[in-house]
Amino acid sequence: MKDRSTRPVYERGTGFLLARLGSLTARSWTAFLNEHQLTQGQYTLLVALKQHGPASQRRLAELVAMDARNVVLVLDSLAAASLIERRPDNTDRRRRIITLTEQGNDLLAIVADAAAAEQDHFLHTLSDTERKRLNHLLQRLYDSHVPAADPQPG
């Protein structure tokens, strides 16, 4: 590991470090998802379904802050891969309720385990305490700039 004092000044600034590490993690995460034949949008929708349970397409779009038109395309690809099912809503037959299939649940479990291992590899130089502290600080920054999703069911 290179001594911090030998690095150029710009490589020691918080903004640069956040941007560069963000770029490195994004590249690593995209490659990781590709290994599991998933895009970020697909993964995000699967996780939202796992966390919130069955939901309408509109609600899913709200939960993941994705344009409703784009959600349909992503859901089409997930349905084609048998990871989700669309069912008519019992209260409004025009509305579709999206649910995870058993295959979707299984894939999420596999990806979660692999993601934890990938994260451990990326953060290997930090102790558990340091990892928790880093996550806490990043979460505080994130929360101060990105409003939380509306928790209402739909």
C-alpha atoms as a PDB file:
ATOM      1  CA  MET A   1       0.000   0.000   0.000  1.00  0.00           C
ATOM      2  CA  LYS A   2       1.296   3.420  -0.966  1.00  0.00           C
ATOM      3  CA  ASP A   3       2.073   5.867   1.858  1.00  0.00           C
ATOM      4  CA  ARG A   4      -0.568   8.648   1.892  1.00  0.00           C
ATOM      5  CA  SER A   5       2.074  11.366   2.039  1.00  0.00           C
ATOM      6  CA  THR A   6       3.536  10.246  -1.315  1.00  0.00           C
ATOM      7  CA  ARG A   7       0.216  10.585  -3.121  1.00  0.00           C
ATOM      8  CA  PRO A   8      -0.559  13.793  -5.028  1.00  0.00           C
ATOM      9  CA  VAL A   9      -2.607  16.318  -3.054  1.00  0.00           C
ATOM     10  CA  TYR A  10      -5.691  15.813  -5.227  1.00  0.00           C
ATOM     11  CA  GLU A  11      -5.726  12.105  -4.272  1.00  0.00           C
ATOM     12  CA  ARG A  12      -6.148  13.028  -0.614  1.00  0.00           C
ATOM     13  CA  GLY A  13      -9.268  15.214  -0.947  1.00  0.00           C
ATOM     14  CA  THR A  14     -12.577  13.845   0.311  1.00  0.00           C
ATOM     15  CA  GLY A  15     -14.439  14.649  -2.897  1.00  0.00           C
ATOM     16  CA  PHE A  16     -11.851  12.902  -5.054  1.00  0.00           C
ATOM     17  CA  LEU A  17     -11.750   9.866  -2.756  1.00  0.00           C
ATOM     18  CA  LEU A  18     -15.539   9.528  -2.706  1.00  0.00           C
ATOM     19  CA  ALA A  19     -15.756   9.930  -6.490  1.00  0.00           C
ATOM     20  CA  ARG A  20     -12.903   7.526  -7.213  1.00  0.00           C
ATOM     21  CA  LEU A  21     -14.089   4.874  -4.753  1.00  0.00           C
ATOM     22  CA  GLY A  22     -17.626   5.322  -6.093  1.00  0.00           C
ATOM     23  CA  SER A  23     -16.329   4.659  -9.580  1.00  0.00           C
ATOM     24  CA  LEU A  24     -14.373   1.605  -8.449  1.00  0.00           C
ATOM     25  CA  THR A  25     -17.309   0.143  -6.525  1.00  0.00           C
ATOM     26  CA  ALA A  26     -19.750   0.879  -9.368  1.00  0.00           C
ATOM     27  CA  ARG A  27     -17.510  -0.935 -11.846  1.00  0.00           C
ATOM     28  CA  SER A  28     -17.059  -3.859  -9.454  1.00  0.00           C
ATOM     29  CA  TRP A  29     -20.786  -4.001  -8.628  1.00  0.00           C
ATOM     30  CA  THR A  30     -21.810  -3.916 -12.303  1.00  0.00           C
ATOM     31  CA  ALA A  31     -19.410  -6.765 -13.089  1.00  0.00           C
ATOM     32  CA  PHE A  32     -20.727  -8.678 -10.071  1.00  0.00           C
ATOM     33  CA  LEU A  33     -24.354  -8.273 -11.193  1.00  0.00           C
ATOM     34  CA  ASN A  34     -23.413  -9.257 -14.756  1.00  0.00           C
ATOM     35  CA  GLU A  35     -22.026 -12.534 -13.399  1.00  0.00           C
ATOM     36  CA  HIS A  36     -25.547 -13.204 -12.084  1.00  0.00           C
ATOM     37  CA  GLN A  37     -27.214 -12.031 -15.337  1.00  0.00           C
ATOM     38  CA  LEU A  38     -28.751  -9.005 -13.597  1.00  0.00           C
ATOM     39  CA  THR A  39     -28.748  -5.276 -14.219  1.00  0.00           C
ATOM     40  CA  GLN A  40     -28.828  -2.706 -11.430  1.00  0.00           C
ATOM     41  CA  GLY A  41     -32.469  -1.927 -12.220  1.00  0.00           C
ATOM     42  CA  GLN A  42     -33.458  -5.596 -12.089  1.00  0.00           C
ATOM     43  CA  TYR A  43     -31.624  -6.155  -8.826  1.00  0.00           C
ATOM     44  CA  THR A  44     -33.142  -3.043  -7.263  1.00  0.00           C
ATOM     45  CA  LEU A  45     -36.686  -4.116  -8.147  1.00  0.00           C
ATOM     46  CA  LEU A  46     -36.107  -7.662  -6.865  1.00  0.00           C
ATOM     47  CA  VAL A  47     -34.778  -6.330  -3.555  1.00  0.00           C
ATOM     48  CA  ALA A  48     -37.727  -3.912  -3.250  1.00  0.00           C
ATOM     49  CA  LEU A  49     -40.142  -6.806  -3.765  1.00  0.00           C
ATOM     50  CA  LYS A  50     -38.285  -8.898  -1.211  1.00  0.00           C
ATOM     51  CA  GLN A  51     -38.310  -6.073   1.338  1.00  0.00           C
ATOM     52  CA  HIS A  52     -41.841  -4.729   0.771  1.00  0.00           C
ATOM     53  CA  GLY A  53     -43.692  -7.766  -0.552  1.00  0.00           C
ATOM     54  CA  PRO A  54     -46.067  -7.833  -3.502  1.00  0.00           C
ATOM     55  CA  ALA A  55     -46.686  -4.402  -4.982  1.00  0.00           C
ATOM     56  CA  SER A  56     -48.213  -2.659  -7.969  1.00  0.00           C
ATOM     57  CA  GLN A  57     -45.979  -1.522 -10.801  1.00  0.00           C
ATOM     58  CA  ARG A  58     -46.623   2.080  -9.810  1.00  0.00           C
ATOM     59  CA  ARG A  59     -45.661   1.440  -6.184  1.00  0.00           C
ATOM     60  CA  LEU A  60     -42.492  -0.346  -7.235  1.00  0.00           C
ATOM     61  CA  ALA A  61     -41.553   2.616  -9.410  1.00  0.00           C
ATOM     62  CA  GLU A  62     -42.005   4.899  -6.390  1.00  0.00           C
ATOM     63  CA  LEU A  63     -40.038   2.610  -4.079  1.00  0.00           C
ATOM     64  CA  VAL A  64     -36.999   2.491  -6.354  1.00  0.00           C
ATOM     65  CA  ALA A  65     -37.323   6.054  -7.740  1.00  0.00           C
ATOM     66  CA  MET A  66     -37.606   4.799 -11.314  1.00  0.00           C
ATOM     67  CA  ASP A  67     -39.816   6.201 -14.068  1.00  0.00           C
ATOM     68  CA  ALA A  68     -42.931   4.001 -14.350  1.00  0.00           C
ATOM     69  CA  ARG A  69     -42.338   3.472 -18.099  1.00  0.00           C
ATOM     70  CA  ASN A  70     -38.845   2.127 -17.403  1.00  0.00           C
ATOM     71  CA  VAL A  71     -40.158  -0.137 -14.641  1.00  0.00           C
ATOM     72  CA  VAL A  72     -42.351  -1.943 -17.167  1.00  0.00           C
ATOM     73  CA  LEU A  73     -39.351  -2.791 -19.347  1.00  0.00           C
ATOM     74  CA  VAL A  74     -37.363  -4.072 -16.377  1.00  0.00           C
ATOM     75  CA  LEU A  75     -40.327  -6.076 -15.094  1.00  0.00           C
ATOM     76  CA  ASP A  76     -40.776  -7.584 -18.572  1.00  0.00           C
ATOM     77  CA  SER A  77     -37.202  -8.871 -18.437  1.00  0.00           C
ATOM     78  CA  LEU A  78     -37.662 -10.234 -14.902  1.00  0.00           C
ATOM     79  CA  ALA A  79     -40.894 -11.980 -15.912  1.00  0.00           C
ATOM     80  CA  ALA A  80     -39.168 -13.487 -18.977  1.00  0.00           C
ATOM     81  CA  ALA A  81     -36.519 -14.905 -16.608  1.00  0.00           C
ATOM     82  CA  SER A  82     -39.282 -16.295 -14.321  1.00  0.00           C
ATOM     83  CA  LEU A  83     -38.065 -14.174 -11.398  1.00  0.00           C
ATOM     84  CA  ILE A  84     -41.394 -12.367 -10.894  1.00  0.00           C
ATOM     85  CA  GLU A  85     -45.073 -12.919 -11.612  1.00  0.00           C
ATOM     86  CA  ARG A  86     -47.704 -10.361 -12.533  1.00  0.00           C
ATOM     87  CA  ARG A  87     -51.175 -11.053 -11.193  1.00  0.00           C
ATOM     88  CA  PRO A  88     -54.391  -9.060 -11.461  1.00  0.00           C
ATOM     89  CA  ASP A  89     -55.197  -7.058  -8.337  1.00  0.00           C
ATOM     90  CA  ASN A  90     -58.258  -8.483  -6.568  1.00  0.00           C
ATOM     91  CA  THR A  91     -59.605  -4.970  -5.904  1.00  0.00           C
ATOM     92  CA  ASP A  92     -58.831  -3.422  -9.320  1.00  0.00           C
ATOM     93  CA  ARG A  93     -58.534  -5.812 -12.289  1.00  0.00           C
ATOM     94  CA  ARG A  94     -56.773  -3.103 -14.367  1.00  0.00           C
ATOM     95  CA  ARG A  95     -53.892  -3.035 -11.911  1.00  0.00           C
ATOM     96  CA  ARG A  96     -51.201  -5.722 -11.795  1.00  0.00           C
ATOM     97  CA  ILE A  97     -49.573  -6.918  -8.582  1.00  0.00           C
ATOM     98  CA  ILE A  98     -45.958  -8.028  -8.871  1.00  0.00           C
ATOM     99  CA  THR A  99     -44.657 -10.880  -6.728  1.00  0.00           C
ATOM    100  CA  LEU A 100     -41.332 -12.656  -6.469  1.00  0.00           C
ATOM    101  CA  THR A 101     -41.289 -16.231  -7.697  1.00  0.00           C
ATOM    102  CA  GLU A 102     -39.480 -18.990  -5.843  1.00  0.00           C
ATOM    103  CA  GLN A 103     -36.749 -18.686  -8.477  1.00  0.00           C
ATOM    104  CA  GLY A 104     -36.516 -14.942  -7.782  1.00  0.00           C
ATOM    105  CA  ASN A 105     -36.209 -15.552  -4.048  1.00  0.00           C
ATOM    106  CA  ASP A 106     -33.552 -18.209  -4.619  1.00  0.00           C
ATOM    107  CA  LEU A 107     -31.527 -15.916  -6.879  1.00  0.00           C
ATOM    108  CA  LEU A 108     -31.693 -13.092  -4.325  1.00  0.00           C
ATOM    109  CA  ALA A 109     -30.358 -15.416  -1.615  1.00  0.00           C
ATOM    110  CA  ILE A 110     -27.459 -16.484  -3.835  1.00  0.00           C
ATOM    111  CA  VAL A 111     -26.684 -12.887  -4.833  1.00  0.00           C
ATOM    112  CA  ALA A 112     -26.883 -11.669  -1.206  1.00  0.00           C
ATOM    113  CA  ASP A 113     -24.322 -14.245  -0.080  1.00  0.00           C
ATOM    114  CA  ALA A 114     -22.032 -13.474  -3.004  1.00  0.00           C
ATOM    115  CA  ALA A 115     -22.450  -9.709  -2.476  1.00  0.00           C
ATOM    116  CA  ALA A 116     -21.408 -10.047   1.165  1.00  0.00           C
ATOM    117  CA  ALA A 117     -18.259 -11.880   0.073  1.00  0.00           C
ATOM    118  CA  GLU A 118     -17.589  -9.237  -2.604  1.00  0.00           C
ATOM    119  CA  GLN A 119     -18.016  -6.458  -0.037  1.00  0.00           C
ATOM    120  CA  ASP A 120     -15.651  -8.216   2.370  1.00  0.00           C
ATOM    121  CA  HIS A 121     -13.069  -8.400  -0.409  1.00  0.00           C
ATOM    122  CA  PHE A 122     -13.463  -4.702  -1.276  1.00  0.00           C
ATOM    123  CA  LEU A 123     -13.302  -3.562   2.367  1.00  0.00           C
ATOM    124  CA  HIS A 124     -10.639  -6.084   3.463  1.00  0.00           C
ATOM    125  CA  THR A 125      -8.304  -3.403   4.802  1.00  0.00           C
ATOM    126  CA  LEU A 126     -10.879  -2.128   7.342  1.00  0.00           C
ATOM    127  CA  SER A 127     -11.732  -3.723  10.685  1.00  0.00           C
ATOM    128  CA  ASP A 128     -15.364  -4.527  11.520  1.00  0.00           C
ATOM    129  CA  THR A 129     -15.531  -1.420  13.711  1.00  0.00           C
ATOM    130  CA  GLU A 130     -14.109   0.744  10.925  1.00  0.00           C
ATOM    131  CA  ARG A 131     -16.574  -0.724   8.416  1.00  0.00           C
ATOM    132  CA  LYS A 132     -19.513   0.056  10.695  1.00  0.00           C
ATOM    133  CA  ARG A 133     -18.237   3.591  11.263  1.00  0.00           C
ATOM    134  CA  LEU A 134     -17.676   4.169   7.534  1.00  0.00           C
ATOM    135  CA  ASN A 135     -21.160   2.907   6.727  1.00  0.00           C
ATOM    136  CA  HIS A 136     -22.664   5.081   9.461  1.00  0.00           C
ATOM    137  CA  LEU A 137     -20.929   8.200   8.136  1.00  0.00           C
ATOM    138  CA  LEU A 138     -21.830   7.463   4.523  1.00  0.00           C
ATOM    139  CA  GLN A 139     -25.451   6.818   5.530  1.00  0.00           C
ATOM    140  CA  ARG A 140     -25.599  10.172   7.337  1.00  0.00           C
ATOM    141  CA  LEU A 141     -24.272  11.959   4.259  1.00  0.00           C
ATOM    142  CA  TYR A 142     -26.642  10.075   1.980  1.00  0.00           C
ATOM    143  CA  ASP A 143     -29.657  10.768   4.190  1.00  0.00           C
ATOM    144  CA  SER A 144     -28.825  14.474   4.232  1.00  0.00           C
ATOM    145  CA  HIS A 145     -28.880  14.639   0.413  1.00  0.00           C
ATOM    146  CA  VAL A 146     -31.444  12.002  -0.640  1.00  0.00           C
ATOM    147  CA  PRO A 147     -34.966  12.013   0.788  1.00  0.00           C
ATOM    148  CA  ALA A 148     -36.217   8.711   2.155  1.00  0.00           C
ATOM    149  CA  ALA A 149     -38.839   6.803   0.158  1.00  0.00           C
ATOM    150  CA  ASP A 150     -42.460   7.192   1.207  1.00  0.00           C
ATOM    151  CA  PRO A 151     -43.286   4.123   3.344  1.00  0.00           C
ATOM    152  CA  GLN A 152     -47.001   3.997   2.391  1.00  0.00           C
ATOM    153  CA  PRO A 153     -48.199   0.651   0.944  1.00  0.00           C
ATOM    154  CA  GLY A 154     -49.607   0.523  -2.540  1.00  0.00           C
END
